[in-house]
Amino acid sequence: MNGQQGLSFLGIRSFRFAFGRTVAYLGLRSLEFSRMASPSIIPNDRLDKDFYLVLEEFRDGAAFRETDEGINYSTLIGDLLTGQYDRVLRVVAFNPVEGWSRDASEDVARELERHIRSEGREVSGALTDFIEAQLGRRVGVQIPLPL
């Protein structure tokens, strides 16, 4: 702690810490204020896109595989279809600028199934297991519609 900062105003005392966080104390309650962060060294245009991470099962447990910054949805689908990933558990999508993240596993599984069906592709048993686990049915089986 760098010490007390400024004057007490209406019984509020604020303290500034070395790492830039200011805490204001009012009686027994405290309020935290984060000061503006320094500008990112990564340009926003590099972060304003959707990123995809694949959670895979390895011999020693599950881990997110290291990936290239430039991977996009179609590249991910192609990599999955060509066996670049072995035992996929989940696919996580996120966009840092828009501030969201989500489990994209079911969307990816549907897209993989569409490619397998339309292109007549053969895929590994592990990829088939991933698709079936996400869709809750066998690959290529259409859910009957009620009449």
C-alpha atoms as a PDB file:
ATOM      1  CA  MET A   1       0.000   0.000   0.000  1.00  0.00           C
ATOM      2  CA  ASN A   2       1.369   3.406  -0.946  1.00  0.00           C
ATOM      3  CA  GLY A   3      -0.476   5.092   1.923  1.00  0.00           C
ATOM      4  CA  GLN A   4      -3.538   7.245   2.275  1.00  0.00           C
ATOM      5  CA  GLN A   5      -4.420   9.192  -0.826  1.00  0.00           C
ATOM      6  CA  GLY A   6      -6.034  12.632  -0.774  1.00  0.00           C
ATOM      7  CA  LEU A   7      -8.421  14.018   1.835  1.00  0.00           C
ATOM      8  CA  SER A   8     -11.215  12.247   3.620  1.00  0.00           C
ATOM      9  CA  PHE A   9     -14.521  13.330   2.132  1.00  0.00           C
ATOM     10  CA  LEU A  10     -17.732  12.513   3.966  1.00  0.00           C
ATOM     11  CA  GLY A  11     -15.909   9.877   6.010  1.00  0.00           C
ATOM     12  CA  ILE A  12     -14.574   8.052   2.963  1.00  0.00           C
ATOM     13  CA  ARG A  13     -10.928   7.189   2.966  1.00  0.00           C
ATOM     14  CA  SER A  14      -9.305   5.787  -0.105  1.00  0.00           C
ATOM     15  CA  PHE A  15      -6.080   3.876  -0.357  1.00  0.00           C
ATOM     16  CA  ARG A  16      -4.122   3.224  -3.496  1.00  0.00           C
ATOM     17  CA  PHE A  17      -2.203   0.015  -3.881  1.00  0.00           C
ATOM     18  CA  ALA A  18       0.966  -0.441  -5.927  1.00  0.00           C
ATOM     19  CA  PHE A  19      -0.867  -2.449  -8.582  1.00  0.00           C
ATOM     20  CA  GLY A  20      -3.285   0.379  -9.368  1.00  0.00           C
ATOM     21  CA  ARG A  21      -6.444  -0.601  -7.491  1.00  0.00           C
ATOM     22  CA  THR A  22      -8.082   1.993  -5.277  1.00  0.00           C
ATOM     23  CA  VAL A  23     -10.220   0.860  -2.356  1.00  0.00           C
ATOM     24  CA  ALA A  24     -12.589   3.284  -0.636  1.00  0.00           C
ATOM     25  CA  TYR A  25     -13.647   2.611   2.931  1.00  0.00           C
ATOM     26  CA  LEU A  26     -16.906   3.941   4.348  1.00  0.00           C
ATOM     27  CA  GLY A  27     -17.465   2.636   7.851  1.00  0.00           C
ATOM     28  CA  LEU A  28     -17.235  -1.145   7.657  1.00  0.00           C
ATOM     29  CA  ARG A  29     -18.008  -1.371   3.940  1.00  0.00           C
ATOM     30  CA  SER A  30     -15.501  -1.107   1.173  1.00  0.00           C
ATOM     31  CA  LEU A  31     -15.988  -0.222  -2.450  1.00  0.00           C
ATOM     32  CA  GLU A  32     -13.414  -1.106  -5.074  1.00  0.00           C
ATOM     33  CA  PHE A  33     -12.698   1.071  -8.065  1.00  0.00           C
ATOM     34  CA  SER A  34     -10.462  -0.113 -10.849  1.00  0.00           C
ATOM     35  CA  ARG A  35      -8.585   2.616 -12.577  1.00  0.00           C
ATOM     36  CA  MET A  36      -8.360   2.594 -16.327  1.00  0.00           C
ATOM     37  CA  ALA A  37      -6.077  -0.152 -17.543  1.00  0.00           C
ATOM     38  CA  SER A  38      -3.122   0.646 -19.746  1.00  0.00           C
ATOM     39  CA  PRO A  39      -3.745   0.289 -23.430  1.00  0.00           C
ATOM     40  CA  SER A  40      -3.308  -3.229 -24.771  1.00  0.00           C
ATOM     41  CA  ILE A  41      -0.170  -3.986 -26.740  1.00  0.00           C
ATOM     42  CA  ILE A  42      -2.330  -6.141 -29.033  1.00  0.00           C
ATOM     43  CA  PRO A  43      -4.244  -4.089 -31.603  1.00  0.00           C
ATOM     44  CA  ASN A  44      -8.030  -4.413 -31.238  1.00  0.00           C
ATOM     45  CA  ASP A  45      -8.457  -5.493 -34.854  1.00  0.00           C
ATOM     46  CA  ARG A  46      -6.574  -8.702 -33.987  1.00  0.00           C
ATOM     47  CA  LEU A  47      -8.947  -9.375 -31.113  1.00  0.00           C
ATOM     48  CA  ASP A  48     -12.224  -8.436 -32.797  1.00  0.00           C
ATOM     49  CA  LYS A  49     -13.015 -11.882 -34.157  1.00  0.00           C
ATOM     50  CA  ASP A  50     -14.213 -15.240 -32.955  1.00  0.00           C
ATOM     51  CA  PHE A  51     -11.577 -17.586 -31.557  1.00  0.00           C
ATOM     52  CA  TYR A  52     -11.974 -21.346 -31.118  1.00  0.00           C
ATOM     53  CA  LEU A  53     -10.282 -23.595 -28.575  1.00  0.00           C
ATOM     54  CA  VAL A  54     -10.551 -27.377 -28.646  1.00  0.00           C
ATOM     55  CA  LEU A  55     -10.582 -29.343 -25.393  1.00  0.00           C
ATOM     56  CA  GLU A  56      -9.041 -32.744 -26.062  1.00  0.00           C
ATOM     57  CA  GLU A  57      -8.559 -35.856 -23.985  1.00  0.00           C
ATOM     58  CA  PHE A  58      -4.886 -36.808 -23.745  1.00  0.00           C
ATOM     59  CA  ARG A  59      -3.176 -39.705 -21.972  1.00  0.00           C
ATOM     60  CA  ASP A  60      -2.576 -37.531 -18.874  1.00  0.00           C
ATOM     61  CA  GLY A  61      -6.005 -35.852 -18.886  1.00  0.00           C
ATOM     62  CA  ALA A  62      -7.927 -33.174 -20.739  1.00  0.00           C
ATOM     63  CA  ALA A  63      -6.312 -29.970 -22.001  1.00  0.00           C
ATOM     64  CA  PHE A  64      -6.963 -27.196 -24.484  1.00  0.00           C
ATOM     65  CA  ARG A  65      -4.716 -27.729 -27.460  1.00  0.00           C
ATOM     66  CA  GLU A  66      -2.351 -24.927 -28.428  1.00  0.00           C
ATOM     67  CA  THR A  67      -3.664 -23.290 -31.572  1.00  0.00           C
ATOM     68  CA  ASP A  68      -2.788 -20.666 -34.132  1.00  0.00           C
ATOM     69  CA  GLU A  69      -4.248 -17.176 -33.736  1.00  0.00           C
ATOM     70  CA  GLY A  70      -5.547 -17.249 -37.314  1.00  0.00           C
ATOM     71  CA  ILE A  71      -7.828 -20.261 -36.916  1.00  0.00           C
ATOM     72  CA  ASN A  72     -11.396 -19.487 -37.915  1.00  0.00           C
ATOM     73  CA  TYR A  73     -14.561 -21.585 -37.982  1.00  0.00           C
ATOM     74  CA  SER A  74     -14.045 -23.095 -41.446  1.00  0.00           C
ATOM     75  CA  THR A  75     -10.384 -23.889 -40.684  1.00  0.00           C
ATOM     76  CA  LEU A  76     -11.429 -25.544 -37.438  1.00  0.00           C
ATOM     77  CA  ILE A  77     -14.013 -27.701 -39.243  1.00  0.00           C
ATOM     78  CA  GLY A  78     -11.435 -28.676 -41.884  1.00  0.00           C
ATOM     79  CA  ASP A  79      -8.843 -29.534 -39.228  1.00  0.00           C
ATOM     80  CA  LEU A  80     -11.339 -31.699 -37.369  1.00  0.00           C
ATOM     81  CA  LEU A  81     -12.388 -33.511 -40.553  1.00  0.00           C
ATOM     82  CA  THR A  82      -8.790 -34.208 -41.577  1.00  0.00           C
ATOM     83  CA  GLY A  83      -7.855 -35.699 -38.213  1.00  0.00           C
ATOM     84  CA  GLN A  84      -5.784 -32.829 -36.793  1.00  0.00           C
ATOM     85  CA  TYR A  85      -7.446 -33.459 -33.429  1.00  0.00           C
ATOM     86  CA  ASP A  86      -7.724 -36.880 -31.835  1.00  0.00           C
ATOM     87  CA  ARG A  87     -10.219 -37.111 -28.976  1.00  0.00           C
ATOM     88  CA  VAL A  88     -12.286 -33.932 -28.905  1.00  0.00           C
ATOM     89  CA  LEU A  89     -14.336 -33.282 -25.777  1.00  0.00           C
ATOM     90  CA  ARG A  90     -15.535 -29.695 -26.300  1.00  0.00           C
ATOM     91  CA  VAL A  91     -15.094 -26.665 -28.522  1.00  0.00           C
ATOM     92  CA  VAL A  92     -15.157 -23.250 -26.873  1.00  0.00           C
ATOM     93  CA  ALA A  93     -15.732 -20.072 -28.892  1.00  0.00           C
ATOM     94  CA  PHE A  94     -15.007 -16.563 -27.638  1.00  0.00           C
ATOM     95  CA  ASN A  95     -14.632 -12.991 -28.833  1.00  0.00           C
ATOM     96  CA  PRO A  96     -12.576 -10.743 -26.520  1.00  0.00           C
ATOM     97  CA  VAL A  97     -13.764  -7.422 -27.962  1.00  0.00           C
ATOM     98  CA  GLU A  98     -17.456  -8.342 -27.821  1.00  0.00           C
ATOM     99  CA  GLY A  99     -16.921  -9.873 -24.382  1.00  0.00           C
ATOM    100  CA  TRP A 100     -18.548 -13.277 -24.827  1.00  0.00           C
ATOM    101  CA  SER A 101     -17.619 -16.933 -24.688  1.00  0.00           C
ATOM    102  CA  ARG A 102     -19.704 -20.059 -25.131  1.00  0.00           C
ATOM    103  CA  ASP A 103     -19.633 -23.786 -25.667  1.00  0.00           C
ATOM    104  CA  ALA A 104     -19.784 -24.199 -29.449  1.00  0.00           C
ATOM    105  CA  SER A 105     -19.560 -28.005 -29.371  1.00  0.00           C
ATOM    106  CA  GLU A 106     -23.081 -28.699 -30.622  1.00  0.00           C
ATOM    107  CA  ASP A 107     -22.811 -26.184 -33.491  1.00  0.00           C
ATOM    108  CA  VAL A 108     -19.473 -27.679 -34.515  1.00  0.00           C
ATOM    109  CA  ALA A 109     -20.893 -31.216 -34.330  1.00  0.00           C
ATOM    110  CA  ARG A 110     -23.817 -30.241 -36.582  1.00  0.00           C
ATOM    111  CA  GLU A 111     -21.453 -28.670 -39.112  1.00  0.00           C
ATOM    112  CA  LEU A 112     -19.199 -31.741 -39.050  1.00  0.00           C
ATOM    113  CA  GLU A 113     -22.176 -34.008 -39.619  1.00  0.00           C
ATOM    114  CA  ARG A 114     -23.319 -31.850 -42.526  1.00  0.00           C
ATOM    115  CA  HIS A 115     -19.893 -32.154 -44.180  1.00  0.00           C
ATOM    116  CA  ILE A 116     -19.703 -35.896 -43.547  1.00  0.00           C
ATOM    117  CA  ARG A 117     -23.131 -36.434 -45.086  1.00  0.00           C
ATOM    118  CA  SER A 118     -22.729 -34.117 -48.089  1.00  0.00           C
ATOM    119  CA  GLU A 119     -19.164 -35.152 -48.943  1.00  0.00           C
ATOM    120  CA  GLY A 120     -19.449 -38.817 -48.015  1.00  0.00           C
ATOM    121  CA  ARG A 121     -16.415 -38.477 -45.744  1.00  0.00           C
ATOM    122  CA  GLU A 122     -14.936 -41.182 -43.579  1.00  0.00           C
ATOM    123  CA  VAL A 123     -13.911 -39.904 -40.140  1.00  0.00           C
ATOM    124  CA  SER A 124     -12.274 -41.443 -37.105  1.00  0.00           C
ATOM    125  CA  GLY A 125     -14.259 -43.263 -34.462  1.00  0.00           C
ATOM    126  CA  ALA A 126     -13.222 -40.628 -31.917  1.00  0.00           C
ATOM    127  CA  LEU A 127     -14.663 -37.808 -34.051  1.00  0.00           C
ATOM    128  CA  THR A 128     -17.839 -39.819 -34.593  1.00  0.00           C
ATOM    129  CA  ASP A 129     -18.070 -40.277 -30.805  1.00  0.00           C
ATOM    130  CA  PHE A 130     -17.741 -36.493 -30.310  1.00  0.00           C
ATOM    131  CA  ILE A 131     -20.465 -35.743 -32.856  1.00  0.00           C
ATOM    132  CA  GLU A 132     -22.834 -38.357 -31.446  1.00  0.00           C
ATOM    133  CA  ALA A 133     -22.245 -37.196 -27.866  1.00  0.00           C
ATOM    134  CA  GLN A 134     -23.082 -33.603 -28.823  1.00  0.00           C
ATOM    135  CA  LEU A 135     -26.118 -34.395 -30.956  1.00  0.00           C
ATOM    136  CA  GLY A 136     -27.495 -37.160 -28.735  1.00  0.00           C
ATOM    137  CA  ARG A 137     -27.960 -39.508 -31.678  1.00  0.00           C
ATOM    138  CA  ARG A 138     -25.996 -41.482 -34.222  1.00  0.00           C
ATOM    139  CA  VAL A 139     -24.324 -39.618 -37.092  1.00  0.00           C
ATOM    140  CA  GLY A 140     -26.560 -39.413 -40.157  1.00  0.00           C
ATOM    141  CA  VAL A 141     -29.732 -40.430 -38.337  1.00  0.00           C
ATOM    142  CA  GLN A 142     -32.537 -37.949 -38.801  1.00  0.00           C
ATOM    143  CA  ILE A 143     -34.814 -37.375 -35.842  1.00  0.00           C
ATOM    144  CA  PRO A 144     -38.366 -38.294 -36.918  1.00  0.00           C
ATOM    145  CA  LEU A 145     -40.757 -35.399 -37.042  1.00  0.00           C
ATOM    146  CA  PRO A 146     -44.167 -35.817 -35.419  1.00  0.00           C
ATOM    147  CA  LEU A 147     -47.015 -36.076 -37.897  1.00  0.00           C
END
